[in-house]
């Protein structure tokens, strides 16, 4: 059985895959995750008639996203993984949004943009859908103006742009009319695709507890981590 947790976005998703079937529990926005996470996990396991000891693999979204909620989920999955002695597969917000957006046979480049607040966006570039599975470290945080300047240097025409908020990059289609735009809200993440990816990555990309961490892109947050 696989246990998946995503607290990076405004809505938290808890899910398990057991015997080929997916069960999920949603924690709505503005609910304090630290106060309800354990109880809602119990509720999820009850839905699936499962127990924690059934977990063979854990996966979680390491960010970027809501910093406080991410810290809560990191502590929680580390505790569970240590107690059960099971491996962890790390996904990030860019991968999760990209996997939820379009047909796998689409071979155009993929850009994922995430609302970083403070008039900035997190974004990354994948050469094609298969590249989403690979380990990269080319994650950016820029203003929208800087984003368009950097994108012009990539010199790409037809591509997929995946956003998690309709309010960012609003003039995208005017600037890149041949692009295909996808808006993936957190409630719409594609769990079947995500679990399929977890199973593929688990073959050779499992992490031990000491290797499990968050994806820090904003420099001041990364500094806080080490203070």
Protein backbone atom coordinates (compact mmCIF):
# COMPACT_ATOMS: atom_id res chain seq x y z
CA UNK A 1 0.00 0.00 0.00
CA UNK A 2 1.22 3.51 -0.87
CA UNK A 3 0.50 6.56 1.28
CA UNK A 4 0.66 10.02 -0.36
CA UNK A 5 0.42 13.43 1.28
CA UNK A 6 0.39 16.87 -0.35
CA UNK A 7 0.21 19.97 1.86
CA UNK A 8 1.92 22.39 -0.54
CA UNK A 9 -1.22 23.99 -1.94
CA UNK A 10 -4.26 25.68 -0.44
CA UNK A 11 -6.06 22.32 -0.19
CA UNK A 12 -4.30 19.37 1.45
CA UNK A 13 -4.65 15.97 -0.20
CA UNK A 14 -4.17 12.70 1.67
CA UNK A 15 -4.44 9.52 -0.40
CA UNK A 16 -3.62 5.85 -0.36
CA UNK A 17 -3.51 3.26 -3.09
CA UNK A 18 -4.47 -0.18 -1.88
CA UNK A 19 -5.10 -3.23 -4.06
CA UNK A 20 -5.27 -1.03 -7.16
CA UNK A 21 -7.88 1.32 -5.70
CA UNK A 22 -7.32 4.95 -4.68
CA UNK A 23 -8.87 6.50 -1.57
CA UNK A 24 -8.52 10.19 -0.71
CA UNK A 25 -9.25 12.67 2.04
CA UNK A 26 -9.33 16.44 1.43
CA UNK A 27 -8.53 19.02 4.10
CA UNK A 28 -10.04 22.34 3.11
CA UNK A 29 -8.26 25.67 2.99
CA UNK A 30 -7.83 27.67 6.23
CA UNK A 31 -7.87 24.56 8.43
CA UNK A 32 -4.82 24.22 10.67
CA UNK A 33 -3.12 21.12 9.27
CA UNK A 34 -1.19 20.37 12.44
CA UNK A 35 -4.43 20.06 14.42
CA UNK A 36 -6.26 17.68 12.09
CA UNK A 37 -3.63 15.72 10.15
CA UNK A 38 -3.57 12.65 12.38
CA UNK A 39 -7.37 12.44 12.71
CA UNK A 40 -7.95 12.90 8.99
CA UNK A 41 -5.34 10.26 8.21
CA UNK A 42 -7.24 7.88 10.49
CA UNK A 43 -10.43 8.75 8.59
CA UNK A 44 -8.70 7.94 5.29
CA UNK A 45 -7.47 4.58 6.55
CA UNK A 46 -10.95 3.74 7.80
CA UNK A 47 -12.34 4.40 4.30
CA UNK A 48 -9.91 1.86 2.89
CA UNK A 49 -10.21 -0.62 5.75
CA UNK A 50 -6.46 -0.26 6.15
CA UNK A 51 -3.94 0.13 8.94
CA UNK A 52 -0.69 2.07 9.10
CA UNK A 53 1.29 -1.16 9.22
CA UNK A 54 -0.01 -1.86 5.69
CA UNK A 55 2.07 1.03 4.32
CA UNK A 56 4.96 -0.19 2.17
CA UNK A 57 5.89 3.14 0.59
CA UNK A 58 5.32 6.82 1.40
CA UNK A 59 5.36 9.72 -1.04
CA UNK A 60 4.92 13.41 -0.42
CA UNK A 61 5.05 16.79 -2.12
CA UNK A 62 8.24 18.51 -0.97
CA UNK A 63 7.16 21.92 -2.30
CA UNK A 64 7.41 24.70 -3.12
CA UNK A 65 4.24 25.91 -1.45
CA UNK A 66 2.81 26.72 1.96
CA UNK A 67 5.93 26.66 4.13
CA UNK A 68 4.24 25.95 7.47
CA UNK A 69 2.08 23.12 6.10
CA UNK A 70 5.06 21.60 4.32
CA UNK A 71 7.05 21.53 7.56
CA UNK A 72 4.15 19.74 9.27
CA UNK A 73 3.91 17.08 6.56
CA UNK A 74 7.69 16.60 6.50
CA UNK A 75 7.77 15.92 10.25
CA UNK A 76 4.80 13.60 9.97
CA UNK A 77 6.07 11.43 7.10
CA UNK A 78 9.53 11.21 8.64
CA UNK A 79 8.00 9.91 11.87
CA UNK A 80 5.81 7.37 10.07
CA UNK A 81 8.59 6.24 7.73
CA UNK A 82 11.00 5.80 10.64
CA UNK A 83 8.46 3.88 12.73
CA UNK A 84 7.47 1.55 9.87
CA UNK A 85 10.95 1.42 8.32
CA UNK A 86 9.61 2.13 4.83
CA UNK A 87 11.16 4.19 2.00
CA UNK A 88 9.97 7.59 0.79
CA UNK A 89 9.53 8.88 -2.78
CA UNK A 90 9.81 12.66 -3.11
CA UNK A 91 7.75 14.56 -5.66
CA UNK A 92 7.59 18.33 -6.02
CA UNK A 93 4.84 20.79 -6.87
CA UNK A 94 6.07 21.24 -10.45
CA UNK A 95 5.91 17.51 -11.15
CA UNK A 96 2.49 17.11 -9.54
CA UNK A 97 0.96 19.95 -11.57
CA UNK A 98 2.58 18.78 -14.80
CA UNK A 99 1.40 15.19 -14.30
CA UNK A 100 -2.13 16.46 -13.74
CA UNK A 101 -2.36 18.59 -16.84
CA UNK A 102 -2.32 16.86 -20.23
CA UNK A 103 -1.96 13.75 -22.32
CA UNK A 104 1.29 11.83 -21.76
CA UNK A 105 1.69 11.49 -25.53
CA UNK A 106 2.07 15.26 -25.82
CA UNK A 107 5.77 15.69 -26.56
CA UNK A 108 5.96 19.50 -26.51
CA UNK A 109 8.07 21.31 -23.89
CA UNK A 110 6.38 21.93 -20.54
CA UNK A 111 6.65 25.02 -18.36
CA UNK A 112 5.12 24.94 -14.90
CA UNK A 113 4.39 28.23 -13.11
CA UNK A 114 3.30 28.42 -9.46
CA UNK A 115 2.02 31.46 -7.61
CA UNK A 116 4.79 32.41 -5.14
CA UNK A 117 2.89 35.43 -3.79
CA UNK A 118 4.63 38.81 -3.34
CA UNK A 119 4.20 39.40 -7.10
CA UNK A 120 6.53 36.53 -7.96
CA UNK A 121 6.20 33.06 -9.49
CA UNK A 122 8.09 29.81 -9.08
CA UNK A 123 8.68 28.14 -12.42
CA UNK A 124 10.64 25.44 -14.20
CA UNK A 125 11.06 24.07 -17.70
CA UNK A 126 10.82 20.46 -18.89
CA UNK A 127 11.93 19.45 -22.38
CA UNK A 128 8.96 17.06 -22.70
CA UNK A 129 6.64 14.92 -20.59
CA UNK A 130 9.27 12.24 -19.91
CA UNK A 131 11.62 14.91 -18.57
CA UNK A 132 9.14 15.49 -15.72
CA UNK A 133 10.31 12.21 -14.17
CA UNK A 134 13.96 13.24 -14.14
CA UNK A 135 15.93 14.98 -11.40
CA UNK A 136 16.60 18.61 -12.25
CA UNK A 137 17.68 21.60 -10.20
CA UNK A 138 16.68 24.39 -12.56
CA UNK A 139 13.99 25.91 -10.35
CA UNK A 140 13.39 29.65 -10.51
CA UNK A 141 11.63 32.44 -8.65
CA UNK A 142 11.15 35.66 -10.58
CA UNK A 143 8.71 38.45 -11.26
CA UNK A 144 6.41 37.90 -14.22
CA UNK A 145 8.40 40.46 -16.22
CA UNK A 146 11.66 38.61 -15.54
CA UNK A 147 9.95 35.34 -16.42
CA UNK A 148 9.03 36.57 -19.91
CA UNK A 149 12.56 37.88 -20.44
CA UNK A 150 14.07 34.52 -19.52
CA UNK A 151 11.50 32.64 -21.59
CA UNK A 152 12.44 34.62 -24.70
CA UNK A 153 16.00 33.33 -24.28
CA UNK A 154 14.74 29.74 -24.38
CA UNK A 155 13.46 30.42 -27.90
CA UNK A 156 10.54 28.00 -27.79
CA UNK A 157 7.27 28.40 -29.68
CA UNK A 158 4.78 25.58 -29.25
CA UNK A 159 4.72 24.45 -25.65
CA UNK A 160 2.50 23.65 -22.68
CA UNK A 161 2.16 26.17 -19.86
CA UNK A 162 0.77 24.74 -16.63
CA UNK A 163 -0.35 27.18 -13.91
CA UNK A 164 -1.85 26.67 -10.48
CA UNK A 165 -3.59 30.04 -10.39
CA UNK A 166 -5.64 31.80 -13.06
CA UNK A 167 -4.41 35.16 -11.75
CA UNK A 168 -0.76 34.67 -12.70
CA UNK A 169 0.63 35.20 -16.23
CA UNK A 170 -2.80 36.40 -17.38
CA UNK A 171 -1.57 37.73 -20.71
CA UNK A 172 0.27 34.52 -21.61
CA UNK A 173 -1.86 33.58 -24.63
CA UNK A 174 -1.38 37.04 -26.11
CA UNK A 175 2.38 36.71 -25.89
CA UNK A 176 2.50 33.02 -26.90
CA UNK A 177 -0.67 32.27 -28.90
CA UNK A 178 0.57 28.83 -30.00
CA UNK A 179 1.02 27.66 -26.40
CA UNK A 180 -1.45 25.33 -24.71
CA UNK A 181 -2.50 26.64 -21.33
CA UNK A 182 -3.63 24.46 -18.41
CA UNK A 183 -4.82 25.69 -15.03
CA UNK A 184 -4.61 23.00 -12.35
CA UNK A 185 -6.18 23.87 -9.02
CA UNK A 186 -5.11 21.73 -6.07
CA UNK A 187 -8.49 20.01 -5.95
CA UNK A 188 -7.88 18.80 -9.53
CA UNK A 189 -4.55 17.02 -9.12
CA UNK A 190 -4.56 13.72 -11.00
CA UNK A 191 -4.05 11.02 -8.36
CA UNK A 192 -3.96 8.06 -10.80
CA UNK A 193 -1.10 9.72 -12.72
CA UNK A 194 0.66 10.62 -9.49
CA UNK A 195 0.47 7.10 -8.06
CA UNK A 196 1.65 5.66 -11.37
CA UNK A 197 4.65 7.98 -11.19
CA UNK A 198 5.36 7.05 -7.57
CA UNK A 199 5.39 3.38 -8.52
CA UNK A 200 7.82 4.02 -11.39
CA UNK A 201 10.13 6.19 -9.31
CA UNK A 202 10.10 3.71 -6.44
CA UNK A 203 12.09 1.27 -8.55
CA UNK A 204 15.30 3.30 -8.29
CA UNK A 205 14.54 6.63 -6.57
CA UNK A 206 13.56 5.75 -3.01
CA UNK A 207 15.03 7.87 -0.21
CA UNK A 208 16.08 7.07 3.33
CA UNK A 209 14.81 9.23 6.17
CA UNK A 210 17.98 11.38 6.25
CA UNK A 211 17.57 12.21 2.56
CA UNK A 212 13.98 13.45 2.89
CA UNK A 213 13.72 17.22 2.81
CA UNK A 214 11.80 20.16 1.40
CA UNK A 215 12.48 21.97 -1.86
CA UNK A 216 13.57 25.49 -0.95
CA UNK A 217 13.70 28.02 -3.78
CA UNK A 218 13.24 31.33 -2.01
CA UNK A 219 16.69 32.10 -0.55
CA UNK A 220 15.55 33.64 2.73
CA UNK A 221 13.50 30.51 3.50
CA UNK A 222 16.47 28.29 2.79
CA UNK A 223 18.55 30.35 5.23
CA UNK A 224 15.91 29.92 7.94
CA UNK A 225 16.19 26.17 7.51
CA UNK A 226 19.81 26.26 8.66
CA UNK A 227 19.51 28.81 11.47
